[in-house]
Amino acid sequence: MDEKKVIVVGGGITGLATAYYLQKEAREKQLPIKVKLIEASDRLGGVISTEKRDALSLKEGRILSCEKNECDEIDRRSWP
């Protein structure tokens, strides 16, 4: 079987998880898949980051804000 090449665009949490699980699945099932992650910025994580100040680690990220029905719909679509 010819090697398949997959490019994951974006090194945010979704891109990182996608690349990780694709590669994990390929290894476990011995599938000839090569995964490459492309990120435009100089760091991974997207909007999620950690800033260190002295002895403190400050976590930064986006907060999801929506009405209850919208959040329920997101949950239904996101989880099996």
Protein backbone atom coordinates (compact mmCIF):
# COMPACT_ATOMS: atom_id res chain seq x y z
CA MET A 1 0.00 0.00 0.00
CA ASP A 2 1.33 3.45 -0.90
CA GLU A 3 2.09 5.88 1.89
CA LYS A 4 -0.64 8.48 2.35
CA LYS A 5 0.31 12.01 3.37
CA VAL A 6 -1.97 14.07 5.59
CA ILE A 7 -1.39 17.75 6.28
CA VAL A 8 -3.05 19.23 9.36
CA VAL A 9 -3.32 23.02 9.06
CA GLY A 10 -3.18 24.88 12.36
CA GLY A 11 -1.39 24.10 15.59
CA GLY A 12 -4.20 25.07 17.93
CA ILE A 13 -5.77 22.54 20.28
CA THR A 14 -7.90 21.02 17.51
CA GLY A 15 -5.02 20.71 15.04
CA LEU A 16 -2.71 19.24 17.67
CA ALA A 17 -5.31 16.69 18.76
CA THR A 18 -6.11 15.77 15.16
CA ALA A 19 -2.45 15.22 14.28
CA TYR A 20 -1.85 13.24 17.48
CA TYR A 21 -4.79 10.87 17.07
CA LEU A 22 -4.21 10.39 13.33
CA GLN A 23 -0.62 9.39 13.96
CA LYS A 24 -1.54 7.21 16.95
CA GLU A 25 -4.19 5.36 14.94
CA ALA A 26 -1.81 4.90 12.01
CA ARG A 27 0.85 3.39 14.28
CA GLU A 28 -1.56 1.11 16.13
CA LYS A 29 -3.04 -0.23 12.90
CA GLN A 30 0.28 -0.12 11.03
CA LEU A 31 -1.17 2.11 8.33
CA PRO A 32 1.27 3.84 5.97
CA ILE A 33 0.23 7.39 6.85
CA LYS A 34 2.60 10.33 7.31
CA VAL A 35 1.14 13.25 9.26
CA LYS A 36 2.55 16.77 8.95
CA LEU A 37 1.37 19.72 11.06
CA ILE A 38 1.65 23.25 9.66
CA GLU A 39 1.37 26.31 11.92
CA ALA A 40 1.66 29.94 10.80
CA SER A 41 2.89 31.39 14.08
CA ASP A 42 6.11 30.71 15.97
CA ARG A 43 4.41 28.62 18.67
CA LEU A 44 1.80 25.91 19.01
CA GLY A 45 -1.40 26.13 21.03
CA GLY A 46 -3.50 28.67 19.15
CA VAL A 47 -5.30 30.90 21.63
CA ILE A 48 -4.20 28.70 24.55
CA SER A 49 -0.95 29.73 26.20
CA THR A 50 0.92 29.90 29.49
CA GLU A 51 2.78 33.01 30.57
CA LYS A 52 5.30 32.71 33.37
CA ARG A 53 5.79 35.64 35.75
CA ASP A 54 8.19 35.02 38.60
CA ALA A 55 6.83 31.91 40.36
CA LEU A 56 3.38 32.18 38.75
CA SER A 57 2.08 30.39 35.67
CA LEU A 58 -0.79 32.29 34.07
CA LYS A 59 -3.02 30.25 31.78
CA GLU A 60 -4.64 32.10 28.90
CA GLY A 61 -7.31 30.91 26.51
CA ARG A 62 -10.62 31.65 24.92
CA ILE A 63 -13.80 31.39 26.94
CA LEU A 64 -16.90 29.98 25.28
CA SER A 65 -19.88 32.19 25.92
CA CYS A 66 -23.29 31.19 24.64
CA GLU A 67 -26.90 30.76 25.62
CA LYS A 68 -27.86 27.44 27.24
CA ASN A 69 -29.53 25.99 24.14
CA GLU A 70 -26.53 26.86 21.95
CA CYS A 71 -24.12 25.19 24.40
CA ASP A 72 -26.32 22.08 24.52
CA GLU A 73 -26.24 21.90 20.71
CA ILE A 74 -22.44 22.22 20.70
CA ASP A 75 -22.24 19.40 23.26
CA ARG A 76 -24.50 17.16 21.15
CA ARG A 77 -22.37 17.69 18.05
CA SER A 78 -19.03 17.36 19.84
CA TRP A 79 -19.48 14.18 21.86
CA PRO A 80 -20.38 10.71 20.56
